Amino acid sequence: MSKVIAELRRYADKIVKSGLVVGAGGNLSMRDGNMMYISPSGFDLQEIEDHQWVRVYIDTGEILDPLKPSSEVLMHLECFRKRSDITAVLHTHPSYSVGVSSAGHSIPSLFPDFPAMIRNIAYLDYMIPTTDVLANAVADVIHDTDVVVMRNHGVLTVGKTMKEAYFFMQITEESAKVYTIASTVGVPRILTEEECQALRNLSSEKYRSELLKDSK
């Protein structure tokens, strides 16, 4: 079993167990040279066998295996085409992030980990999933962010490793959850830009950020 398949299997399991997707929702992919491996369409992520991950050429979009790739294959391809620095793309439907963004709000910085590890989030208004319209919209913003929130749909994260992409997804959902809880009991205090920048400059946070880029 290749290292890429092992990582995909590991994080497919994590995504389901952490509640970021239900049923056959969500998809993930990893770059392997000039190809990507992506989850097959219609599969529960925990039930994908090693030989069922679908290989697709990144440049041409040619599918190399008999199973259909995820219906969001175009979105994954555009991320890899636009970002040569990334090796992983993750798309889930996290409840709090979808809830907050679908209400027209942005996910704010309420605790140190969020602004320290995520530089910014791009927001897209609702577009029909699986279409080239959505894929092109993601392509337009992915240069400038590692997190894309699609209102009424879900969240996409990218990373130099799947570990990094998964952490970005977790911390985005946690921030949306904290914001939702805080909003039910009062007016949340949002960290100022000065406070966020000071957090980003901490040597401990820079060290943690580098660890996420290590695939070992």
Protein backbone atom coordinates (compact mmCIF):
# COMPACT_ATOMS: atom_id res chain seq x y z
CA MET A 1 0.00 0.00 0.00
CA SER A 2 1.40 3.39 -1.01
CA LYS A 3 1.94 6.21 1.46
CA VAL A 4 -0.68 8.32 -0.34
CA ILE A 5 -3.34 5.61 -0.05
CA ALA A 6 -2.46 5.09 3.61
CA GLU A 7 -2.93 8.82 4.32
CA LEU A 8 -6.20 8.98 2.41
CA ARG A 9 -7.58 5.98 4.28
CA ARG A 10 -6.46 7.36 7.63
CA TYR A 11 -8.04 10.77 7.14
CA ALA A 12 -11.19 9.44 5.52
CA ASP A 13 -11.75 7.58 8.78
CA LYS A 14 -10.95 10.66 10.87
CA ILE A 15 -13.37 12.84 8.87
CA VAL A 16 -16.28 10.49 9.50
CA LYS A 17 -15.46 9.84 13.16
CA SER A 18 -15.14 13.57 13.89
CA GLY A 19 -18.59 14.25 12.44
CA LEU A 20 -17.41 16.46 9.59
CA VAL A 21 -19.49 14.43 7.13
CA VAL A 22 -22.45 12.05 7.24
CA GLY A 23 -23.31 9.22 4.88
CA ALA A 24 -21.61 9.52 1.52
CA GLY A 25 -20.93 13.25 1.94
CA GLY A 26 -17.53 14.86 1.59
CA ASN A 27 -14.48 14.00 -0.48
CA LEU A 28 -10.70 14.13 -0.27
CA SER A 29 -7.73 13.84 -2.57
CA MET A 30 -3.95 13.81 -2.60
CA ARG A 31 -1.36 14.60 -5.24
CA ASP A 32 0.99 11.85 -6.37
CA GLY A 33 3.32 13.19 -9.05
CA ASN A 34 1.23 14.31 -12.03
CA MET A 35 -1.82 12.45 -10.77
CA MET A 36 -4.20 12.78 -7.86
CA TYR A 37 -5.98 10.06 -5.95
CA ILE A 38 -9.55 11.03 -5.06
CA SER A 39 -12.42 9.34 -3.24
CA PRO A 40 -14.89 7.53 -5.53
CA SER A 41 -18.40 8.89 -6.07
CA GLY A 42 -21.18 7.63 -3.82
CA PHE A 43 -19.01 5.80 -1.28
CA ASP A 44 -19.14 6.15 2.48
CA LEU A 45 -15.60 7.37 3.19
CA GLN A 46 -14.96 4.62 5.74
CA GLU A 47 -15.87 1.90 3.24
CA ILE A 48 -13.40 2.77 0.46
CA GLU A 49 -10.98 -0.08 -0.16
CA ASP A 50 -7.39 0.64 -1.11
CA HIS A 51 -7.87 -0.20 -4.80
CA GLN A 52 -10.99 1.98 -5.09
CA TRP A 53 -9.32 5.40 -4.80
CA VAL A 54 -9.60 6.90 -8.27
CA ARG A 55 -6.53 8.14 -10.16
CA VAL A 56 -6.96 11.27 -12.28
CA TYR A 57 -4.33 13.14 -14.29
CA ILE A 58 -4.15 16.67 -12.91
CA ASP A 59 -3.33 18.47 -16.17
CA THR A 60 -5.87 16.77 -18.41
CA GLY A 61 -8.51 15.46 -16.03
CA GLU A 62 -8.24 12.00 -17.60
CA ILE A 63 -9.66 9.31 -15.31
CA LEU A 64 -7.47 6.21 -15.10
CA ASP A 65 -9.74 3.81 -13.19
CA PRO A 66 -13.19 2.27 -13.78
CA LEU A 67 -14.90 3.83 -10.76
CA LYS A 68 -16.26 7.35 -11.06
CA PRO A 69 -14.33 9.95 -9.06
CA SER A 70 -16.11 12.19 -6.58
CA SER A 71 -18.64 14.48 -8.22
CA GLU A 72 -16.50 17.39 -6.97
CA VAL A 73 -13.50 16.21 -9.01
CA LEU A 74 -13.34 19.50 -10.95
CA MET A 75 -12.94 21.49 -7.73
CA HIS A 76 -10.09 19.26 -6.57
CA LEU A 77 -8.35 19.48 -9.94
CA GLU A 78 -8.50 23.27 -9.94
CA CYS A 79 -6.92 23.43 -6.48
CA PHE A 80 -3.96 21.31 -7.56
CA ARG A 81 -3.59 23.21 -10.83
CA LYS A 82 -3.54 26.58 -9.09
CA ARG A 83 -1.40 25.59 -6.09
CA SER A 84 1.77 23.67 -6.83
CA ASP A 85 2.70 23.92 -3.13
CA ILE A 86 -0.15 21.73 -1.87
CA THR A 87 -0.51 17.95 -1.80
CA ALA A 88 -3.95 17.57 -0.20
CA VAL A 89 -7.51 18.82 -0.71
CA LEU A 90 -10.34 18.15 1.74
CA HIS A 91 -14.05 18.97 1.36
CA THR A 92 -16.61 18.35 4.12
CA HIS A 93 -19.99 19.58 5.33
CA PRO A 94 -19.31 20.70 8.93
CA SER A 95 -22.53 21.70 10.69
CA TYR A 96 -21.45 24.84 12.54
CA SER A 97 -19.44 26.29 9.65
CA VAL A 98 -22.33 25.73 7.25
CA GLY A 99 -24.79 27.13 9.78
CA VAL A 100 -22.84 30.30 10.56
CA SER A 101 -21.96 31.06 6.94
CA SER A 102 -25.45 30.27 5.64
CA ALA A 103 -26.83 32.84 8.07
CA GLY A 104 -24.68 35.41 6.27
CA HIS A 105 -21.97 35.64 8.90
CA SER A 106 -18.22 35.21 8.69
CA ILE A 107 -16.41 32.91 11.12
CA PRO A 108 -14.54 35.25 13.50
CA SER A 109 -11.42 34.93 15.60
CA LEU A 110 -12.52 34.17 19.15
CA PHE A 111 -9.57 32.16 20.51
CA PRO A 112 -5.81 32.11 19.79
CA ASP A 113 -5.44 28.96 17.66
CA PHE A 114 -7.74 30.20 14.92
CA PRO A 115 -5.98 33.42 13.83
CA ALA A 116 -2.56 31.98 14.64
CA MET A 117 -2.98 29.08 12.21
CA ILE A 118 -5.38 30.38 9.55
CA ARG A 119 -4.42 33.58 7.78
CA ASN A 120 -7.80 34.23 6.16
CA ILE A 121 -10.95 32.55 4.88
CA ALA A 122 -12.57 33.03 1.48
CA TYR A 123 -16.37 32.95 1.33
CA LEU A 124 -18.42 31.96 -1.70
CA ASP A 125 -22.15 32.46 -2.07
CA TYR A 126 -24.17 29.38 -2.89
CA MET A 127 -23.54 27.74 -6.24
CA ILE A 128 -24.81 24.38 -7.45
CA PRO A 129 -22.34 21.72 -6.22
CA THR A 130 -20.29 19.56 -8.62
CA THR A 131 -20.39 22.14 -11.44
CA ASP A 132 -17.60 23.90 -13.29
CA VAL A 133 -19.12 27.17 -12.03
CA LEU A 134 -18.24 26.23 -8.45
CA ALA A 135 -14.87 24.79 -9.47
CA ASN A 136 -13.96 28.02 -11.27
CA ALA A 137 -15.06 30.12 -8.30
CA VAL A 138 -12.80 28.09 -6.01
CA ALA A 139 -9.96 28.43 -8.53
CA ASP A 140 -10.36 32.22 -8.40
CA VAL A 141 -9.75 32.41 -4.63
CA ILE A 142 -7.55 29.43 -3.72
CA HIS A 143 -4.31 31.32 -4.50
CA ASP A 144 -4.93 33.55 -1.49
CA THR A 145 -6.29 31.17 1.12
CA ASP A 146 -6.16 27.65 2.51
CA VAL A 147 -9.83 27.69 3.59
CA VAL A 148 -12.88 28.27 1.40
CA VAL A 149 -16.32 28.39 2.99
CA MET A 150 -19.20 27.76 0.57
CA ARG A 151 -22.42 29.12 2.03
CA ASN A 152 -25.27 26.59 2.23
CA HIS A 153 -22.86 23.86 1.19
CA GLY A 154 -19.62 23.15 3.03
CA VAL A 155 -15.94 23.92 3.55
CA LEU A 156 -12.86 23.17 1.46
CA THR A 157 -9.33 23.20 2.87
CA VAL A 158 -5.96 22.58 1.26
CA GLY A 159 -2.58 21.79 2.76
CA LYS A 160 1.00 20.87 2.15
CA THR A 161 0.01 17.63 3.91
CA MET A 162 -3.34 16.03 4.63
CA LYS A 163 -2.57 16.61 8.30
CA GLU A 164 -2.46 20.34 7.64
CA ALA A 165 -5.66 20.37 5.54
CA TYR A 166 -7.46 18.37 8.24
CA PHE A 167 -6.28 20.73 11.00
CA PHE A 168 -7.51 23.74 9.03
CA MET A 169 -10.90 22.04 8.72
CA GLN A 170 -11.04 21.21 12.43
CA ILE A 171 -10.06 24.66 13.63
CA THR A 172 -12.50 26.39 11.26
CA GLU A 173 -15.37 24.23 12.52
CA GLU A 174 -14.34 24.74 16.14
CA SER A 175 -14.33 28.52 15.69
CA ALA A 176 -17.78 28.42 14.08
CA LYS A 177 -18.99 26.29 16.99
CA VAL A 178 -17.59 28.66 19.62
CA TYR A 179 -19.14 31.62 17.79
CA THR A 180 -22.52 29.90 17.73
CA ILE A 181 -22.37 29.13 21.44
CA ALA A 182 -21.18 32.62 22.36
CA SER A 183 -23.93 34.22 20.29
CA THR A 184 -26.61 32.34 22.22
CA VAL A 185 -25.50 33.75 25.59
CA GLY A 186 -24.37 37.25 24.68
CA VAL A 187 -22.30 39.31 22.27
CA PRO A 188 -19.02 37.53 21.40
CA ARG A 189 -15.80 39.46 21.90
CA ILE A 190 -13.85 39.12 18.66
CA LEU A 191 -10.07 39.36 18.79
CA THR A 192 -8.73 42.54 17.23
CA GLU A 193 -6.45 42.48 14.20
CA GLU A 194 -3.58 43.64 16.42
CA GLU A 195 -4.19 40.74 18.79
CA CYS A 196 -4.38 38.30 15.88
CA GLN A 197 -1.13 39.54 14.40
CA ALA A 198 0.64 39.24 17.76
CA LEU A 199 -0.49 35.61 17.94
CA ARG A 200 0.83 34.91 14.44
CA ASN A 201 4.23 36.28 15.47
CA LEU A 202 4.63 33.93 18.44
CA SER A 203 7.51 31.53 17.92
CA SER A 204 5.46 28.69 19.44
CA GLU A 205 2.71 29.15 16.82
CA LYS A 206 5.23 29.29 13.98
CA TYR A 207 6.69 26.02 15.27
CA ARG A 208 3.27 24.36 15.36
CA SER A 209 2.58 25.56 11.84
CA GLU A 210 5.77 23.93 10.58
CA LEU A 211 4.88 20.64 12.27
CA LEU A 212 1.63 20.50 10.28
CA LYS A 213 3.63 20.66 7.06
CA ASP A 214 5.60 17.58 8.07
CA SER A 215 3.87 14.51 6.65
CA LYS A 216 5.68 12.06 8.92
